[in-house]
Amino acid sequence: DATEYTISSIDASGGKDGFRGGDAFRPSINAYMFANARAL
């Protein structure tokens, strides 16, 4: 989502990292897909 080291990825690592991981339902991608569906 071009946003590494967010709360979801840091906490999913137990606070040890956060570059990878932390898969989440995010307001960003869902807003993007809403906008894409509306545009289509």
Full PDB file with SEQRES, HELIX, SHEET, SSBOND, CRYST1, ORIGX, SCALE, CONECT and MASTER records, all heavy atoms in Angstrom:
SEQRES   1 A   40  ASP ALA THR GLU TYR THR ILE SER SER ILE ASP ALA SER          
SEQRES   2 A   40  GLY GLY LYS ASP GLY PHE ARG GLY GLY ASP ALA PHE ARG          
SEQRES   3 A   40  PRO SER ILE ASN ALA TYR MET PHE ALA ASN ALA ARG ALA          
SEQRES   4 A   40  LEU                                                          
HELIX    1 AA1 ILE A    7  ALA A   12  1                                   6    
HELIX    2 AA2 PRO A   27  ALA A   39  1                                  13    
CRYST1    1.000    1.000    1.000  90.00  90.00  90.00 P 1           1          
ORIGX1      1.000000  0.000000  0.000000        0.00000                         
ORIGX2      0.000000  1.000000  0.000000        0.00000                         
ORIGX3      0.000000  0.000000  1.000000        0.00000                         
SCALE1      1.000000  0.000000  0.000000        0.00000                         
SCALE2      0.000000  1.000000  0.000000        0.00000                         
SCALE3      0.000000  0.000000  1.000000        0.00000                         
ATOM      1  N   ASP A   1       0.844  -1.189   0.000  1.00  0.00           N  
ATOM      2  CA  ASP A   1       0.000   0.000   0.000  1.00  0.00           C  
ATOM      3  C   ASP A   1       0.884   1.245   0.000  1.00  0.00           C  
ATOM      4  O   ASP A   1       0.414   2.358   0.214  1.00  0.00           O  
ATOM      5  CB  ASP A   1      -0.885  -0.012   1.252  1.00  0.00           C  
ATOM      6  CG  ASP A   1      -2.204   0.722   1.064  1.00  0.00           C  
ATOM      7  OD1 ASP A   1      -2.648   0.903  -0.080  1.00  0.00           O  
ATOM      8  OD2 ASP A   1      -2.787   1.121   2.087  1.00  0.00           O  
ATOM      9  N   ALA A   2       2.208   1.008  -0.203  1.00  0.00           N  
ATOM     10  CA  ALA A   2       3.242   2.055  -0.221  1.00  0.00           C  
ATOM     11  C   ALA A   2       3.373   2.736   1.136  1.00  0.00           C  
ATOM     12  O   ALA A   2       3.760   3.901   1.213  1.00  0.00           O  
ATOM     13  CB  ALA A   2       2.976   3.078  -1.324  1.00  0.00           C  
ATOM     14  N   THR A   3       3.058   2.008   2.227  1.00  0.00           N  
ATOM     15  CA  THR A   3       3.089   2.594   3.576  1.00  0.00           C  
ATOM     16  C   THR A   3       3.655   1.586   4.576  1.00  0.00           C  
ATOM     17  O   THR A   3       2.964   1.159   5.507  1.00  0.00           O  
ATOM     18  CB  THR A   3       1.682   3.026   4.017  1.00  0.00           C  
ATOM     19  OG1 THR A   3       0.802   1.891   3.956  1.00  0.00           O  
ATOM     20  CG2 THR A   3       1.132   4.125   3.133  1.00  0.00           C  
ATOM     21  N   GLU A   4       4.918   1.231   4.410  1.00  0.00           N  
ATOM     22  CA  GLU A   4       5.536   0.273   5.327  1.00  0.00           C  
ATOM     23  C   GLU A   4       5.703   0.844   6.730  1.00  0.00           C  
ATOM     24  O   GLU A   4       5.758   2.058   6.909  1.00  0.00           O  
ATOM     25  CB  GLU A   4       6.891  -0.181   4.778  1.00  0.00           C  
ATOM     26  CG  GLU A   4       7.904   0.923   4.576  1.00  0.00           C  
ATOM     27  CD  GLU A   4       7.851   1.573   3.208  1.00  0.00           C  
ATOM     28  OE1 GLU A   4       6.761   1.609   2.597  1.00  0.00           O  
ATOM     29  OE2 GLU A   4       8.905   2.053   2.751  1.00  0.00           O  
ATOM     30  N   TYR A   5       5.769  -0.040   7.690  1.00  0.00           N  
ATOM     31  CA  TYR A   5       5.899   0.342   9.108  1.00  0.00           C  
ATOM     32  C   TYR A   5       4.706   1.161   9.593  1.00  0.00           C  
ATOM     33  O   TYR A   5       4.849   2.216  10.188  1.00  0.00           O  
ATOM     34  CB  TYR A   5       7.214   1.091   9.372  1.00  0.00           C  
ATOM     35  CG  TYR A   5       8.435   0.208   9.223  1.00  0.00           C  
ATOM     36  CD1 TYR A   5       9.162   0.206   8.034  1.00  0.00           C  
ATOM     37  CD2 TYR A   5       8.849  -0.632  10.250  1.00  0.00           C  
ATOM     38  CE1 TYR A   5      10.273  -0.615   7.875  1.00  0.00           C  
ATOM     39  CE2 TYR A   5       9.960  -1.460  10.108  1.00  0.00           C  
ATOM     40  CZ  TYR A   5      10.664  -1.439   8.921  1.00  0.00           C  
ATOM     41  OH  TYR A   5      11.751  -2.264   8.757  1.00  0.00           O  
ATOM     42  N   THR A   6       3.519   0.640   9.324  1.00  0.00           N  
ATOM     43  CA  THR A   6       2.304   1.176   9.916  1.00  0.00           C  
ATOM     44  C   THR A   6       2.021   0.411  11.209  1.00  0.00           C  
ATOM     45  O   THR A   6       2.722  -0.540  11.555  1.00  0.00           O  
ATOM     46  CB  THR A   6       1.121   1.009   8.960  1.00  0.00           C  
ATOM     47  OG1 THR A   6       0.897  -0.393   8.767  1.00  0.00           O  
ATOM     48  CG2 THR A   6       1.391   1.659   7.618  1.00  0.00           C  
ATOM     49  N   ILE A   7       0.952   0.806  11.896  1.00  0.00           N  
ATOM     50  CA  ILE A   7       0.591   0.102  13.132  1.00  0.00           C  
ATOM     51  C   ILE A   7       0.360  -1.379  12.858  1.00  0.00           C  
ATOM     52  O   ILE A   7       0.844  -2.242  13.605  1.00  0.00           O  
ATOM     53  CB  ILE A   7      -0.661   0.735  13.776  1.00  0.00           C  
ATOM     54  CG1 ILE A   7      -0.336   2.124  14.312  1.00  0.00           C  
ATOM     55  CG2 ILE A   7      -1.191  -0.151  14.909  1.00  0.00           C  
ATOM     56  CD1 ILE A   7      -1.525   2.851  14.925  1.00  0.00           C  
ATOM     57  N   SER A   8      -0.355  -1.690  11.784  1.00  0.00           N  
ATOM     58  CA  SER A   8      -0.686  -3.097  11.541  1.00  0.00           C  
ATOM     59  C   SER A   8       0.553  -3.939  11.281  1.00  0.00           C  
ATOM     60  O   SER A   8       0.666  -5.061  11.786  1.00  0.00           O  
ATOM     61  CB  SER A   8      -1.680  -3.231  10.378  1.00  0.00           C  
ATOM     62  OG  SER A   8      -1.126  -2.762   9.178  1.00  0.00           O  
ATOM     63  N   SER A   9       1.504  -3.427  10.517  1.00  0.00           N  
ATOM     64  CA  SER A   9       2.685  -4.253  10.213  1.00  0.00           C  
ATOM     65  C   SER A   9       3.649  -4.304  11.396  1.00  0.00           C  
ATOM     66  O   SER A   9       4.262  -5.342  11.655  1.00  0.00           O  
ATOM     67  CB  SER A   9       3.391  -3.736   8.958  1.00  0.00           C  
ATOM     68  OG  SER A   9       3.845  -2.412   9.113  1.00  0.00           O  
ATOM     69  N   ILE A  10       3.788  -3.211  12.147  1.00  0.00           N  
ATOM     70  CA  ILE A  10       4.670  -3.233  13.315  1.00  0.00           C  
ATOM     71  C   ILE A  10       4.104  -4.159  14.389  1.00  0.00           C  
ATOM     72  O   ILE A  10       4.811  -5.018  14.942  1.00  0.00           O  
ATOM     73  CB  ILE A  10       4.863  -1.812  13.873  1.00  0.00           C  
ATOM     74  CG1 ILE A  10       5.645  -0.953  12.879  1.00  0.00           C  
ATOM     75  CG2 ILE A  10       5.603  -1.855  15.211  1.00  0.00           C  
ATOM     76  CD1 ILE A  10       5.714   0.525  13.259  1.00  0.00           C  
ATOM     77  N   ASP A  11       2.819  -4.016  14.687  1.00  0.00           N  
ATOM     78  CA  ASP A  11       2.228  -4.843  15.745  1.00  0.00           C  
ATOM     79  C   ASP A  11       2.125  -6.306  15.349  1.00  0.00           C  
ATOM     80  O   ASP A  11       2.212  -7.195  16.200  1.00  0.00           O  
ATOM     81  CB  ASP A  11       0.862  -4.293  16.130  1.00  0.00           C  
ATOM     82  CG  ASP A  11       0.956  -3.051  16.999  1.00  0.00           C  
ATOM     83  OD1 ASP A  11       2.093  -2.619  17.296  1.00  0.00           O  
ATOM     84  OD2 ASP A  11      -0.098  -2.500  17.378  1.00  0.00           O  
ATOM     85  N   ALA A  12       1.947  -6.575  14.063  1.00  0.00           N  
ATOM     86  CA  ALA A  12       1.908  -7.971  13.614  1.00  0.00           C  
ATOM     87  C   ALA A  12       3.251  -8.662  13.789  1.00  0.00           C  
ATOM     88  O   ALA A  12       3.333  -9.888  13.827  1.00  0.00           O  
ATOM     89  CB  ALA A  12       1.465  -8.053  12.157  1.00  0.00           C  
ATOM     90  N   SER A  13       4.327  -7.860  13.901  1.00  0.00           N  
ATOM     91  CA  SER A  13       5.662  -8.426  14.141  1.00  0.00           C  
ATOM     92  C   SER A  13       5.993  -8.495  15.627  1.00  0.00           C  
ATOM     93  O   SER A  13       7.110  -8.860  15.997  1.00  0.00           O  
ATOM     94  CB  SER A  13       6.731  -7.572  13.443  1.00  0.00           C  
ATOM     95  OG  SER A  13       6.967  -6.375  14.160  1.00  0.00           O  
ATOM     96  N   GLY A  14       5.047  -8.107  16.465  1.00  0.00           N  
ATOM     97  CA  GLY A  14       5.328  -8.048  17.886  1.00  0.00           C  
ATOM     98  C   GLY A  14       6.200  -6.864  18.259  1.00  0.00           C  
ATOM     99  O   GLY A  14       6.871  -6.882  19.293  1.00  0.00           O  
ATOM    100  N   GLY A  15       6.208  -5.836  17.422  1.00  0.00           N  
ATOM    101  CA  GLY A  15       7.009  -4.650  17.677  1.00  0.00           C  
ATOM    102  C   GLY A  15       8.471  -4.805  17.323  1.00  0.00           C  
ATOM    103  O   GLY A  15       9.286  -3.926  17.638  1.00  0.00           O  
ATOM    104  N   LYS A  16       8.813  -5.881  16.610  1.00  0.00           N  
ATOM    105  CA  LYS A  16      10.214  -6.132  16.271  1.00  0.00           C  
ATOM    106  C   LYS A  16      10.598  -5.565  14.911  1.00  0.00           C  
ATOM    107  O   LYS A  16      11.769  -5.299  14.646  1.00  0.00           O  
ATOM    108  CB  LYS A  16      10.498  -7.634  16.306  1.00  0.00           C  
ATOM    109  CG  LYS A  16      10.337  -8.251  17.693  1.00  0.00           C  
ATOM    110  CD  LYS A  16      10.573  -9.752  17.655  1.00  0.00           C  
ATOM    111  CE  LYS A  16      10.388 -10.372  19.036  1.00  0.00           C  
ATOM    112  NZ  LYS A  16      10.571 -11.852  19.003  1.00  0.00           N  
ATOM    113  N   ASP A  17       9.608  -5.431  14.003  1.00  0.00           N  
ATOM    114  CA  ASP A  17       9.909  -4.924  12.667  1.00  0.00           C  
ATOM    115  C   ASP A  17       8.651  -4.275  12.114  1.00  0.00           C  
ATOM    116  O   ASP A  17       7.962  -3.581  12.836  1.00  0.00           O  
ATOM    117  CB  ASP A  17      10.436  -6.044  11.770  1.00  0.00           C  
ATOM    118  CG  ASP A  17      11.066  -5.510  10.488  1.00  0.00           C  
ATOM    119  OD1 ASP A  17      11.727  -4.460  10.544  1.00  0.00           O  
ATOM    120  OD2 ASP A  17      10.889  -6.140   9.436  1.00  0.00           O  
ATOM    121  N   GLY A  18       8.321  -4.515  10.862  1.00  0.00           N  
ATOM    122  CA  GLY A  18       7.147  -3.912  10.266  1.00  0.00           C  
ATOM    123  C   GLY A  18       7.310  -3.560   8.809  1.00  0.00           C  
ATOM    124  O   GLY A  18       6.415  -2.960   8.211  1.00  0.00           O  
ATOM    125  N   PHE A  19       8.447  -3.950   8.228  1.00  0.00           N  
ATOM    126  CA  PHE A  19       8.643  -3.684   6.801  1.00  0.00           C  
ATOM    127  C   PHE A  19       7.708  -4.558   5.980  1.00  0.00           C  
ATOM    128  O   PHE A  19       7.030  -4.073   5.075  1.00  0.00           O  
ATOM    129  CB  PHE A  19      10.096  -3.931   6.421  1.00  0.00           C  
ATOM    130  CG  PHE A  19      10.400  -3.660   4.962  1.00  0.00           C  
ATOM    131  CD1 PHE A  19      10.271  -2.379   4.449  1.00  0.00           C  
ATOM    132  CD2 PHE A  19      10.821  -4.678   4.122  1.00  0.00           C  
ATOM    133  CE1 PHE A  19      10.547  -2.119   3.107  1.00  0.00           C  
ATOM    134  CE2 PHE A  19      11.097  -4.424   2.784  1.00  0.00           C  
ATOM    135  CZ  PHE A  19      10.957  -3.144   2.273  1.00  0.00           C  
ATOM    136  N   ARG A  20       7.651  -5.825   6.270  1.00  0.00           N  
ATOM    137  CA  ARG A  20       6.737  -6.757   5.607  1.00  0.00           C  
ATOM    138  C   ARG A  20       5.668  -7.204   6.601  1.00  0.00           C  
ATOM    139  O   ARG A  20       5.764  -6.989   7.803  1.00  0.00           O  
ATOM    140  CB  ARG A  20       7.485  -7.988   5.071  1.00  0.00           C  
ATOM    141  CG  ARG A  20       8.564  -7.719   4.047  1.00  0.00           C  
ATOM    142  CD  ARG A  20       8.071  -6.942   2.842  1.00  0.00           C  
ATOM    143  NE  ARG A  20       6.945  -7.525   2.155  1.00  0.00           N  
ATOM    144  CZ  ARG A  20       7.026  -8.207   0.997  1.00  0.00           C  
ATOM    145  NH1 ARG A  20       8.205  -8.390   0.420  1.00  0.00           N  
ATOM    146  NH2 ARG A  20       5.943  -8.674   0.411  1.00  0.00           N  
ATOM    147  N   GLY A  21       4.635  -7.855   6.072  1.00  0.00           N  
ATOM    148  CA  GLY A  21       3.593  -8.416   6.919  1.00  0.00           C  
ATOM    149  C   GLY A  21       2.557  -7.393   7.335  1.00  0.00           C  
ATOM    150  O   GLY A  21       2.536  -6.253   6.877  1.00  0.00           O  
ATOM    151  N   GLY A  22       1.673  -7.832   8.226  1.00  0.00           N  
ATOM    152  CA  GLY A  22       0.620  -6.962   8.728  1.00  0.00           C  
ATOM    153  C   GLY A  22      -0.543  -6.788   7.782  1.00  0.00           C  
ATOM    154  O   GLY A  22      -1.195  -5.730   7.798  1.00  0.00           O  
ATOM    155  N   ASP A  23      -0.839  -7.819   6.956  1.00  0.00           N  
ATOM    156  CA  ASP A  23      -1.973  -7.724   6.028  1.00  0.00           C  
ATOM    157  C   ASP A  23      -3.209  -7.209   6.762  1.00  0.00           C  
ATOM    158  O   ASP A  23      -3.550  -7.685   7.851  1.00  0.00           O  
ATOM    159  CB  ASP A  23      -2.297  -9.091   5.443  1.00  0.00           C  
ATOM    160  CG  ASP A  23      -1.180  -9.647   4.573  1.00  0.00           C  
ATOM    161  OD1 ASP A  23      -0.163  -8.952   4.402  1.00  0.00           O  
ATOM    162  OD2 ASP A  23      -1.323 -10.783   4.090  1.00  0.00           O  
ATOM    163  N   ALA A  24      -3.887  -6.231   6.155  1.00  0.00           N  
ATOM    164  CA  ALA A  24      -5.011  -5.598   6.846  1.00  0.00           C  
ATOM    165  C   ALA A  24      -6.039  -5.082   5.852  1.00  0.00           C  
ATOM    166  O   ALA A  24      -5.726  -4.766   4.708  1.00  0.00           O  
ATOM    167  CB  ALA A  24      -4.515  -4.456   7.732  1.00  0.00           C  
ATOM    168  N   PHE A  25      -7.290  -4.996   6.335  1.00  0.00           N  
ATOM    169  CA  PHE A  25      -8.346  -4.293   5.621  1.00  0.00           C  
ATOM    170  C   PHE A  25      -8.154  -2.813   5.957  1.00  0.00           C  
ATOM    171  O   PHE A  25      -8.386  -2.392   7.094  1.00  0.00           O  
ATOM    172  CB  PHE A  25      -9.717  -4.771   6.089  1.00  0.00           C  
ATOM    173  CG  PHE A  25      -9.927  -6.246   5.951  1.00  0.00           C  
ATOM    174  CD1 PHE A  25      -9.735  -7.103   7.038  1.00  0.00           C  
ATOM    175  CD2 PHE A  25     -10.315  -6.798   4.740  1.00  0.00           C  
ATOM    176  CE1 PHE A  25      -9.937  -8.465   6.916  1.00  0.00           C  
ATOM    177  CE2 PHE A  25     -10.519  -8.174   4.606  1.00  0.00           C  
ATOM    178  CZ  PHE A  25     -10.326  -9.014   5.699  1.00  0.00           C  
ATOM    179  N   ARG A  26      -7.727  -2.029   4.987  1.00  0.00           N  
ATOM    180  CA  ARG A  26      -7.309  -0.664   5.260  1.00  0.00           C  
ATOM    181  C   ARG A  26      -8.282   0.351   4.631  1.00  0.00           C  
ATOM    182  O   ARG A  26      -8.868   0.095   3.563  1.00  0.00           O  
ATOM    183  CB  ARG A  26      -5.901  -0.396   4.723  1.00  0.00           C  
ATOM    184  CG  ARG A  26      -4.863  -1.435   5.123  1.00  0.00           C  
ATOM    185  CD  ARG A  26      -3.455  -0.887   4.988  1.00  0.00           C  
ATOM    186  NE  ARG A  26      -3.160   0.058   6.060  1.00  0.00           N  
ATOM    187  CZ  ARG A  26      -2.462   1.171   5.906  1.00  0.00           C  
ATOM    188  NH1 ARG A  26      -1.997   1.513   4.721  1.00  0.00           N  
ATOM    189  NH2 ARG A  26      -2.239   1.963   6.938  1.00  0.00           N  
ATOM    190  N   PRO A  27      -8.463   1.508   5.251  1.00  0.00           N  
ATOM    191  CA  PRO A  27      -9.300   2.541   4.624  1.00  0.00           C  
ATOM    192  C   PRO A  27      -8.789   2.962   3.251  1.00  0.00           C  
ATOM    193  O   PRO A  27      -9.590   3.323   2.378  1.00  0.00           O  
ATOM    194  CB  PRO A  27      -9.215   3.711   5.615  1.00  0.00           C  
ATOM    195  CG  PRO A  27      -8.840   3.100   6.921  1.00  0.00           C  
ATOM    196  CD  PRO A  27      -7.971   1.925   6.576  1.00  0.00           C  
ATOM    197  N   SER A  28      -7.469   2.911   3.051  1.00  0.00           N  
ATOM    198  CA  SER A  28      -6.873   3.369   1.795  1.00  0.00           C  
ATOM    199  C   SER A  28      -7.290   2.508   0.611  1.00  0.00           C  
ATOM    200  O   SER A  28      -7.933   3.007  -0.325  1.00  0.00           O  
ATOM    201  CB  SER A  28      -5.350   3.402   1.927  1.00  0.00           C  
ATOM    202  OG  SER A  28      -4.881   2.198   2.510  1.00  0.00           O  
ATOM    203  N   ILE A  29      -6.934   1.233   0.625  1.00  0.00           N  
ATOM    204  CA  ILE A  29      -7.227   0.397  -0.548  1.00  0.00           C  
ATOM    205  C   ILE A  29      -8.724   0.302  -0.791  1.00  0.00           C  
ATOM    206  O   ILE A  29      -9.175   0.269  -1.945  1.00  0.00           O  
ATOM    207  CB  ILE A  29      -6.584  -1.002  -0.435  1.00  0.00           C  
ATOM    208  CG1 ILE A  29      -6.757  -1.741  -1.767  1.00  0.00           C  
ATOM    209  CG2 ILE A  29      -7.133  -1.775   0.743  1.00  0.00           C  
ATOM    210  CD1 ILE A  29      -6.031  -3.060  -1.849  1.00  0.00           C  
ATOM    211  N   ASN A  30      -9.509   0.303   0.272  1.00  0.00           N  
ATOM    212  CA  ASN A  30     -10.957   0.231   0.067  1.00  0.00           C  
ATOM    213  C   ASN A  30     -11.511   1.528  -0.496  1.00  0.00           C  
ATOM    214  O   ASN A  30     -12.434   1.506  -1.321  1.00  0.00           O  
ATOM    215  CB  ASN A  30     -11.642  -0.167   1.375  1.00  0.00           C  
ATOM    216  CG  ASN A  30     -11.474  -1.646   1.653  1.00  0.00           C  
ATOM    217  OD1 ASN A  30     -12.136  -2.478   1.053  1.00  0.00           O  
ATOM    218  ND2 ASN A  30     -10.554  -1.982   2.544  1.00  0.00           N  
ATOM    219  N   ALA A  31     -10.941   2.664  -0.101  1.00  0.00           N  
ATOM    220  CA  ALA A  31     -11.346   3.932  -0.719  1.00  0.00           C  
ATOM    221  C   ALA A  31     -10.935   3.960  -2.189  1.00  0.00           C  
ATOM    222  O   ALA A  31     -11.686   4.452  -3.044  1.00  0.00           O  
ATOM    223  CB  ALA A  31     -10.727   5.101   0.035  1.00  0.00           C  
ATOM    224  N   TYR A  32      -9.738   3.438  -2.495  1.00  0.00           N  
ATOM    225  CA  TYR A  32      -9.281   3.401  -3.887  1.00  0.00           C  
ATOM    226  C   TYR A  32     -10.219   2.540  -4.736  1.00  0.00           C  
ATOM    227  O   TYR A  32     -10.605   2.939  -5.847  1.00  0.00           O  
ATOM    228  CB  TYR A  32      -7.874   2.823  -3.992  1.00  0.00           C  
ATOM    229  CG  TYR A  32      -6.784   3.548  -3.246  1.00  0.00           C  
ATOM    230  CD1 TYR A  32      -5.575   2.904  -2.962  1.00  0.00           C  
ATOM    231  CD2 TYR A  32      -6.935   4.863  -2.813  1.00  0.00           C  
ATOM    232  CE1 TYR A  32      -4.556   3.546  -2.278  1.00  0.00           C  
ATOM    233  CE2 TYR A  32      -5.922   5.516  -2.123  1.00  0.00           C  
ATOM    234  CZ  TYR A  32      -4.735   4.847  -1.855  1.00  0.00           C  
ATOM    235  OH  TYR A  32      -3.726   5.482  -1.170  1.00  0.00           O  
ATOM    236  N   MET A  33     -10.562   1.366  -4.220  1.00  0.00           N  
ATOM    237  CA  MET A  33     -11.402   0.461  -5.009  1.00  0.00           C  
ATOM    238  C   MET A  33     -12.829   0.997  -5.125  1.00  0.00           C  
ATOM    239  O   MET A  33     -13.490   0.798  -6.152  1.00  0.00           O  
ATOM    240  CB  MET A  33     -11.374  -0.932  -4.402  1.00  0.00           C  
ATOM    241  CG  MET A  33      -9.987  -1.595  -4.447  1.00  0.00           C  
ATOM    242  SD  MET A  33      -9.242  -1.637  -6.106  1.00  0.00           S  
ATOM    243  CE  MET A  33     -10.295  -2.829  -6.931  1.00  0.00           C  
ATOM    244  N   PHE A  34     -13.307   1.669  -4.096  1.00  0.00           N  
ATOM    245  CA  PHE A  34     -14.593   2.371  -4.199  1.00  0.00           C  
ATOM    246  C   PHE A  34     -14.539   3.400  -5.326  1.00  0.00           C  
ATOM    247  O   PHE A  34     -15.431   3.466  -6.178  1.00  0.00           O  
ATOM    248  CB  PHE A  34     -14.919   3.048  -2.865  1.00  0.00           C  
ATOM    249  CG  PHE A  34     -15.935   4.148  -2.974  1.00  0.00           C  
ATOM    250  CD1 PHE A  34     -17.295   3.862  -3.042  1.00  0.00           C  
ATOM    251  CD2 PHE A  34     -15.536   5.483  -3.016  1.00  0.00           C  
ATOM    252  CE1 PHE A  34     -18.236   4.882  -3.155  1.00  0.00           C  
ATOM    253  CE2 PHE A  34     -16.467   6.507  -3.124  1.00  0.00           C  
ATOM    254  CZ  PHE A  34     -17.825   6.208  -3.195  1.00  0.00           C  
ATOM    255  N   ALA A  35     -13.477   4.209  -5.327  1.00  0.00           N  
ATOM    256  CA  ALA A  35     -13.347   5.256  -6.344  1.00  0.00           C  
ATOM    257  C   ALA A  35     -13.200   4.654  -7.736  1.00  0.00           C  
ATOM    258  O   ALA A  35     -13.751   5.179  -8.714  1.00  0.00           O  
ATOM    259  CB  ALA A  35     -12.152   6.143  -6.020  1.00  0.00           C  
ATOM    260  N   ASN A  36     -12.449   3.554  -7.843  1.00  0.00           N  
ATOM    261  CA  ASN A  36     -12.287   2.899  -9.146  1.00  0.00           C  
ATOM    262  C   ASN A  36     -13.610   2.328  -9.644  1.00  0.00           C  
ATOM    263  O   ASN A  36     -13.937   2.433 -10.837  1.00  0.00           O  
ATOM    264  CB  ASN A  36     -11.234   1.797  -9.047  1.00  0.00           C  
ATOM    265  CG  ASN A  36      -9.823   2.346  -8.956  1.00  0.00           C  
ATOM    266  OD1 ASN A  36      -9.544   3.443  -9.421  1.00  0.00           O  
ATOM    267  ND2 ASN A  36      -8.922   1.586  -8.353  1.00  0.00           N  
ATOM    268  N   ALA A  37     -14.387   1.712  -8.743  1.00  0.00           N  
ATOM    269  CA  ALA A  37     -15.686   1.167  -9.147  1.00  0.00           C  
ATOM    270  C   ALA A  37     -16.622   2.285  -9.585  1.00  0.00           C  
ATOM    271  O   ALA A  37     -17.326   2.177 -10.601  1.00  0.00           O  
ATOM    272  CB  ALA A  37     -16.295   0.374  -7.995  1.00  0.00           C  
ATOM    273  N   ARG A  38     -16.639   3.373  -8.833  1.00  0.00           N  
ATOM    274  CA  ARG A  38     -17.490   4.514  -9.195  1.00  0.00           C  
ATOM    275  C   ARG A  38     -17.071   5.096 -10.545  1.00  0.00           C  
ATOM    276  O   ARG A  38     -17.919   5.424 -11.389  1.00  0.00           O  
ATOM    277  CB  ARG A  38     -17.397   5.569  -8.099  1.00  0.00           C  
ATOM    278  CG  ARG A  38     -18.260   6.798  -8.332  1.00  0.00           C  
ATOM    279  CD  ARG A  38     -17.974   7.859  -7.272  1.00  0.00           C  
ATOM    280  NE  ARG A  38     -16.556   8.214  -7.263  1.00  0.00           N  
ATOM    281  CZ  ARG A  38     -15.973   8.943  -6.312  1.00  0.00           C  
ATOM    282  NH1 ARG A  38     -16.680   9.374  -5.287  1.00  0.00           N  
ATOM    283  NH2 ARG A  38     -14.678   9.219  -6.380  1.00  0.00           N  
ATOM    284  N   ALA A  39     -15.753   5.219 -10.767  1.00  0.00           N  
ATOM    285  CA  ALA A  39     -15.267   5.739 -12.046  1.00  0.00           C  
ATOM    286  C   ALA A  39     -15.660   4.821 -13.195  1.00  0.00           C  
ATOM    287  O   ALA A  39     -16.060   5.296 -14.274  1.00  0.00           O  
ATOM    288  CB  ALA A  39     -13.751   5.909 -11.992  1.00  0.00           C  
ATOM    289  N   LEU A  40     -15.553   3.512 -12.986  1.00  0.00           N  
ATOM    290  CA  LEU A  40     -15.938   2.569 -14.039  1.00  0.00           C  
ATOM    291  C   LEU A  40     -17.431   2.652 -14.321  1.00  0.00           C  
ATOM    292  O   LEU A  40     -17.867   2.470 -15.466  1.00  0.00           O  
ATOM    293  CB  LEU A  40     -15.532   1.156 -13.652  1.00  0.00           C  
ATOM    294  CG  LEU A  40     -14.029   0.878 -13.771  1.00  0.00           C  
ATOM    295  CD1 LEU A  40     -13.666  -0.449 -13.121  1.00  0.00           C  
ATOM    296  CD2 LEU A  40     -13.602   0.891 -15.233  1.00  0.00           C  
TER     297      LEU A  40                                                      
MASTER        0    0    0    2    0    0    0    6  296    1    0    4          
END                                                                             
